[in-house]
Protein backbone atom coordinates (compact mmCIF):
# COMPACT_ATOMS: atom_id res chain seq x y z
CA MET A 1 -29.75 -40.89 57.67
CA THR A 2 -26.09 -40.44 58.62
CA THR A 3 -23.68 -39.81 55.75
CA GLN A 4 -19.95 -39.33 55.45
CA ASP A 5 -20.44 -35.55 55.54
CA SER A 6 -22.89 -35.46 58.48
CA PRO A 7 -21.91 -33.35 61.51
CA VAL A 8 -20.07 -35.26 64.24
CA THR A 9 -22.22 -35.73 67.37
CA GLU A 10 -21.23 -36.38 70.97
CA ASP A 11 -22.80 -39.84 70.80
CA GLU A 12 -20.56 -40.62 67.83
CA LEU A 13 -17.52 -39.50 69.80
CA HIS A 14 -18.44 -41.89 72.63
CA ALA A 15 -19.02 -44.67 70.10
CA TYR A 16 -15.63 -43.85 68.54
CA VAL A 17 -13.95 -44.31 71.92
CA ASP A 18 -15.85 -47.56 72.59
CA GLY A 19 -15.07 -49.00 69.15
CA GLU A 20 -18.79 -49.06 68.27
CA LEU A 21 -18.80 -46.43 65.52
CA PRO A 22 -20.06 -47.66 62.11
CA ALA A 23 -17.17 -48.31 59.73
CA ASP A 24 -18.41 -45.72 57.22
CA ARG A 25 -18.09 -42.96 59.85
CA VAL A 26 -14.69 -43.75 61.36
CA GLU A 27 -12.70 -41.85 58.74
CA ALA A 28 -15.00 -38.81 58.95
CA VAL A 29 -14.78 -38.66 62.75
CA SER A 30 -11.00 -39.13 62.69
CA SER A 31 -10.63 -36.28 60.22
CA TRP A 32 -12.96 -34.06 62.26
CA LEU A 33 -10.95 -34.70 65.43
CA ALA A 34 -7.72 -33.85 63.59
CA ALA A 35 -9.21 -30.45 62.78
CA HIS A 36 -10.60 -29.86 66.30
CA PRO A 37 -7.77 -30.30 68.84
CA GLU A 38 -9.88 -29.33 71.86
CA GLN A 39 -12.45 -32.05 71.17
CA ALA A 40 -9.62 -34.46 70.30
CA ALA A 41 -8.14 -33.86 73.77
CA THR A 42 -11.52 -34.63 75.35
CA VAL A 43 -11.82 -37.86 73.39
CA ALA A 44 -8.28 -38.81 74.42
CA ALA A 45 -9.24 -38.25 78.07
CA TRP A 46 -12.34 -40.45 77.65
CA ARG A 47 -10.22 -43.19 76.11
CA ALA A 48 -7.68 -42.99 78.93
CA GLN A 49 -10.49 -43.22 81.47
CA ALA A 50 -11.97 -46.24 79.70
CA GLU A 51 -8.60 -47.96 79.63
CA ALA A 52 -8.02 -47.22 83.33
CA ILE A 53 -11.42 -48.65 84.28
CA ALA A 54 -10.88 -51.70 82.08
CA ALA A 55 -7.47 -52.32 83.62
CA ARG A 56 -8.79 -52.03 87.17
CA TYR A 57 -12.17 -53.76 86.82
CA GLY A 58 -11.87 -55.81 83.64
CA ALA A 59 -11.98 -59.07 85.58
CA VAL A 60 -15.55 -58.44 86.71
CA ALA A 61 -16.92 -56.79 83.57
CA GLY A 62 -17.99 -60.14 82.17
CA GLU A 63 -19.80 -61.34 85.29
CA PRO A 64 -23.53 -62.03 84.78
CA VAL A 65 -26.02 -59.36 85.82
CA PRO A 66 -27.48 -60.24 89.26
CA GLU A 67 -31.07 -61.43 89.03
CA ARG A 68 -32.37 -58.66 91.31
CA LEU A 69 -30.86 -55.99 89.03
CA LYS A 70 -32.09 -57.35 85.69
CA LEU A 71 -34.34 -54.96 83.77
CA SER A 72 -37.06 -57.58 83.39
CA ARG A 73 -37.26 -58.00 87.15
CA ILE A 74 -37.38 -54.26 87.77
CA MET A 75 -40.18 -53.89 85.22
CA ARG A 76 -42.13 -56.69 86.87
CA GLN A 77 -41.83 -54.93 90.21
CA ASN A 78 -43.26 -51.75 88.72
CA ARG A 79 -46.29 -53.39 87.18
CA SER A 80 -49.45 -52.60 89.12
CA ASN A 81 -51.52 -55.18 87.23
CA ARG A 82 -50.16 -58.43 88.58
CA SER A 83 -51.77 -61.62 87.38
CA LEU A 84 -53.55 -64.06 89.66
CA ALA A 85 -50.91 -66.66 88.83
CA ALA A 86 -48.15 -64.32 89.99
CA LEU A 87 -49.97 -63.63 93.24
CA ALA A 88 -50.46 -67.33 93.81
CA ALA A 89 -46.79 -67.98 93.17
CA ALA A 90 -45.81 -65.22 95.59
CA ALA A 91 -48.09 -66.71 98.23
CA ALA A 92 -46.58 -70.16 97.69
CA ILE A 93 -43.06 -68.77 98.01
CA ALA A 94 -44.02 -66.88 101.17
CA ALA A 95 -45.50 -70.04 102.65
CA PHE A 96 -42.38 -71.97 101.76
CA VAL A 97 -40.12 -69.37 103.34
CA VAL A 98 -42.19 -69.16 106.53
CA GLY A 99 -42.43 -72.92 106.78
CA GLY A 100 -38.75 -73.38 106.14
CA ALA A 101 -37.83 -70.78 108.74
CA ALA A 102 -40.07 -72.46 111.30
CA GLY A 103 -38.47 -75.80 110.54
CA TRP A 104 -34.96 -74.46 111.08
CA MET A 105 -36.00 -72.77 114.32
CA ALA A 106 -37.53 -76.03 115.57
CA ARG A 107 -34.27 -77.81 114.83
CA GLY A 108 -32.29 -75.16 116.68
CA ALA A 109 -30.10 -74.51 113.65
CA SER A 110 -27.31 -71.96 114.13
CA ALA A 111 -27.52 -70.64 110.55
CA ALA A 112 -29.94 -67.70 110.62
CA ALA A 113 -31.66 -65.88 107.79
CA PRO A 114 -29.66 -62.99 106.32
CA THR A 115 -29.72 -59.91 108.52
CA SER A 116 -30.99 -56.58 107.25
CA ALA A 117 -27.39 -55.35 107.12
CA GLY A 118 -26.34 -58.48 105.27
CA SER A 119 -29.07 -58.13 102.64
CA ILE A 120 -28.31 -54.45 102.09
CA THR A 121 -24.58 -55.16 101.79
CA ALA A 122 -25.17 -57.94 99.26
CA ASP A 123 -27.39 -55.72 97.10
CA ALA A 124 -24.97 -52.80 97.36
CA LEU A 125 -21.97 -54.87 96.27
CA GLU A 126 -23.88 -56.38 93.34
CA ALA A 127 -24.93 -52.91 92.18
CA HIS A 128 -21.38 -51.65 92.64
CA LYS A 129 -19.91 -54.46 90.53
CA LEU A 130 -22.55 -53.98 87.84
CA TYR A 131 -22.15 -50.23 87.35
CA VAL A 132 -18.55 -49.48 88.32
CA VAL A 133 -17.29 -50.87 85.00
CA GLU A 134 -19.62 -48.66 82.93
CA VAL A 135 -17.91 -45.88 80.98
CA ARG A 136 -20.77 -44.18 79.13
CA HIS A 137 -23.72 -44.86 81.46
CA PRO A 138 -22.53 -45.47 85.03
CA VAL A 139 -25.28 -43.24 86.49
CA GLU A 140 -28.77 -41.98 85.65
CA VAL A 141 -28.29 -38.39 86.86
CA PRO A 142 -24.86 -36.73 86.46
CA GLY A 143 -23.07 -35.14 89.38
CA ASN A 144 -23.54 -31.61 88.05
CA GLU A 145 -27.30 -31.99 88.65
CA ARG A 146 -26.90 -32.50 92.39
CA ALA A 147 -29.99 -30.49 93.41
CA HIS A 148 -32.29 -32.36 91.03
CA MET A 149 -30.77 -35.71 92.01
CA THR A 150 -31.19 -34.97 95.72
CA ALA A 151 -34.85 -33.97 95.38
CA TRP A 152 -35.71 -36.88 93.07
CA LEU A 153 -34.10 -39.62 95.15
CA SER A 154 -35.37 -38.14 98.43
CA LYS A 155 -38.90 -38.38 97.05
CA ARG A 156 -38.45 -41.92 95.74
CA LEU A 157 -36.86 -43.29 98.92
CA GLY A 158 -39.26 -41.46 101.23
CA TYR A 159 -36.67 -39.66 103.35
CA ALA A 160 -34.21 -36.81 102.86
CA GLN A 161 -31.04 -37.62 100.96
CA ARG A 162 -27.74 -35.85 101.50
CA ILE A 163 -25.08 -36.46 98.88
CA PRO A 164 -21.68 -36.25 100.60
CA GLU A 165 -18.97 -33.99 99.22
CA LEU A 166 -15.71 -35.94 98.90
CA GLN A 167 -13.47 -33.61 96.90
CA SER A 168 -11.40 -33.00 100.03
CA ILE A 169 -10.23 -36.63 99.87
CA GLY A 170 -9.74 -36.68 96.11
CA LEU A 171 -13.07 -38.01 94.88
CA LYS A 172 -15.49 -36.26 92.52
CA LEU A 173 -19.18 -37.08 92.27
CA VAL A 174 -19.97 -38.95 89.05
CA GLY A 175 -23.71 -39.02 89.77
CA GLY A 176 -26.42 -41.27 91.11
CA ARG A 177 -29.19 -43.66 90.23
CA LEU A 178 -32.35 -45.28 91.58
CA LEU A 179 -32.26 -49.03 92.24
CA PRO A 180 -34.57 -51.71 93.63
CA GLY A 181 -33.49 -52.45 97.21
CA PRO A 182 -34.21 -55.35 99.55
CA ASN A 183 -36.99 -53.34 101.26
CA GLY A 184 -38.15 -50.90 98.58
CA ALA A 185 -36.36 -48.22 96.59
CA ALA A 186 -32.63 -47.66 97.06
CA ALA A 187 -30.19 -44.99 95.86
CA MET A 188 -26.59 -45.34 94.77
CA TYR A 189 -24.10 -42.48 94.41
CA MET A 190 -20.84 -42.99 92.53
CA TYR A 191 -17.53 -41.21 93.09
CA GLU A 192 -14.31 -41.38 91.09
CA GLY A 193 -10.67 -40.73 91.96
CA ALA A 194 -7.95 -39.17 89.83
CA SER A 195 -6.63 -42.54 88.68
CA GLY A 196 -10.05 -43.87 87.73
CA GLU A 197 -10.86 -45.88 90.86
CA ARG A 198 -14.55 -45.76 91.74
CA PHE A 199 -16.44 -45.90 95.02
CA THR A 200 -20.19 -46.00 95.69
CA LEU A 201 -22.50 -45.03 98.52
CA TYR A 202 -25.67 -47.15 98.64
CA CYS A 203 -28.70 -46.08 100.72
CA ALA A 204 -31.70 -48.30 101.42
CA LYS A 205 -34.43 -48.88 103.99
CA ALA A 206 -33.43 -51.26 106.78
CA THR A 207 -35.72 -53.52 108.79
CA SER A 208 -33.62 -54.04 111.91
CA PRO A 209 -32.00 -51.54 114.28
CA GLU A 210 -28.42 -52.83 113.91
CA SER A 211 -25.87 -50.05 114.19
CA ALA A 212 -22.40 -51.59 114.37
CA LEU A 213 -20.03 -50.84 111.50
CA ARG A 214 -19.42 -54.01 109.48
CA PHE A 215 -16.63 -54.73 107.01
CA LYS A 216 -17.02 -57.26 104.20
CA THR A 217 -14.30 -58.20 101.77
CA GLY A 218 -14.41 -60.35 98.67
CA LYS A 219 -12.79 -60.84 95.31
CA HIS A 220 -11.68 -57.40 94.04
CA PHE A 221 -14.15 -55.42 96.21
CA ALA A 222 -14.92 -54.59 99.82
CA ALA A 223 -17.60 -52.67 101.73
CA PHE A 224 -18.36 -50.97 105.02
CA THR A 225 -22.00 -51.13 106.19
CA TRP A 226 -23.91 -49.50 109.01
CA ILE A 227 -27.56 -48.97 109.89
CA ASP A 228 -28.81 -45.77 111.49
CA GLY A 229 -32.43 -45.78 112.55
CA HIS A 230 -34.33 -47.28 109.62
CA ALA A 231 -31.77 -46.53 106.91
CA GLY A 232 -28.83 -48.63 105.86
CA TYR A 233 -25.66 -47.29 104.24
CA VAL A 234 -22.96 -49.18 102.34
CA VAL A 235 -19.68 -47.73 101.06
CA SER A 236 -18.14 -50.02 98.42
CA GLY A 237 -14.89 -49.87 96.48
CA PRO A 238 -11.63 -51.65 95.64
CA ASP A 239 -10.42 -54.04 98.34
CA ASN A 240 -8.24 -51.54 100.20
CA ARG A 241 -9.48 -51.39 103.78
CA ALA A 242 -7.51 -48.31 104.85
CA ARG A 243 -8.69 -46.25 101.86
CA LEU A 244 -12.28 -47.45 102.19
CA GLU A 245 -12.30 -46.75 105.93
CA LYS A 246 -11.19 -43.15 105.35
CA ILE A 247 -13.96 -42.60 102.80
CA THR A 248 -16.55 -44.22 105.07
CA LYS A 249 -15.51 -42.02 108.01
CA THR A 250 -15.81 -38.88 105.87
CA ILE A 251 -19.27 -39.88 104.61
CA TYR A 252 -20.49 -40.86 108.09
CA GLU A 253 -19.41 -37.55 109.58
CA GLN A 254 -21.16 -35.55 106.85
CA LEU A 255 -24.41 -37.52 107.18
CA ASP A 256 -24.27 -37.14 110.95
CA LYS A 257 -23.75 -33.36 110.81
CA SER A 258 -26.43 -32.88 108.14
CA GLY A 259 -29.10 -34.57 110.23
CA THR A 260 -30.30 -36.58 107.24
CA ARG A 261 -29.53 -39.96 108.75
CA LYS A 262 -32.98 -41.47 109.15
CA SER A 263 -34.13 -42.15 112.69
């Protein structure tokens, strides 16, 4: 049980910054910070970061979580014991999709199904919008655990991962996380600039050999996408094409030199 005299923990400091600290602990934490200037400076930096992120991305923080990224959906995907009803529903959906596609083809419709690049870009942007506004938990593995993160995500995606180094262009690695992709597991790496702006690199399996660099812009965010072999890459960030293009070029060159682009 936490009391007024209990030691101050790091979780409490984060809660203090987020305004989630229980009322009976606020005075104790405030007093503790007054007596520990080094920790007080750290908390002040956290608060400044939170305010910078809120100012830049506050407009999208309240957007609903995309269906494909909801925890319930992810858990359903990981269940090995699927019910007969679920299998039947999946079969019905597959039949509907196949039948619908055939119908459109017969009609000679110009609107085609989403391309592999299009699906990967859509998933990448949704993940970017969902996690870029997070202050306490934007990633699963922090950037200082690069070796562990590389090995773990390489194993989960089924091909070698190379996490680009972007300090030369003013971006530090925040960390990475595993996500459900359009064709299996996907990985997302997050980077942050000095003023709090965040960029992400999304990697997922692709099903078509497209290779041209594509640019997509939308409300608040933009992305560059390319497919190399059987892997798709998406660099997402604030809607600033020149800045995003520079980051994309740096990432592409590093992946090309490392030989980790999947062929």
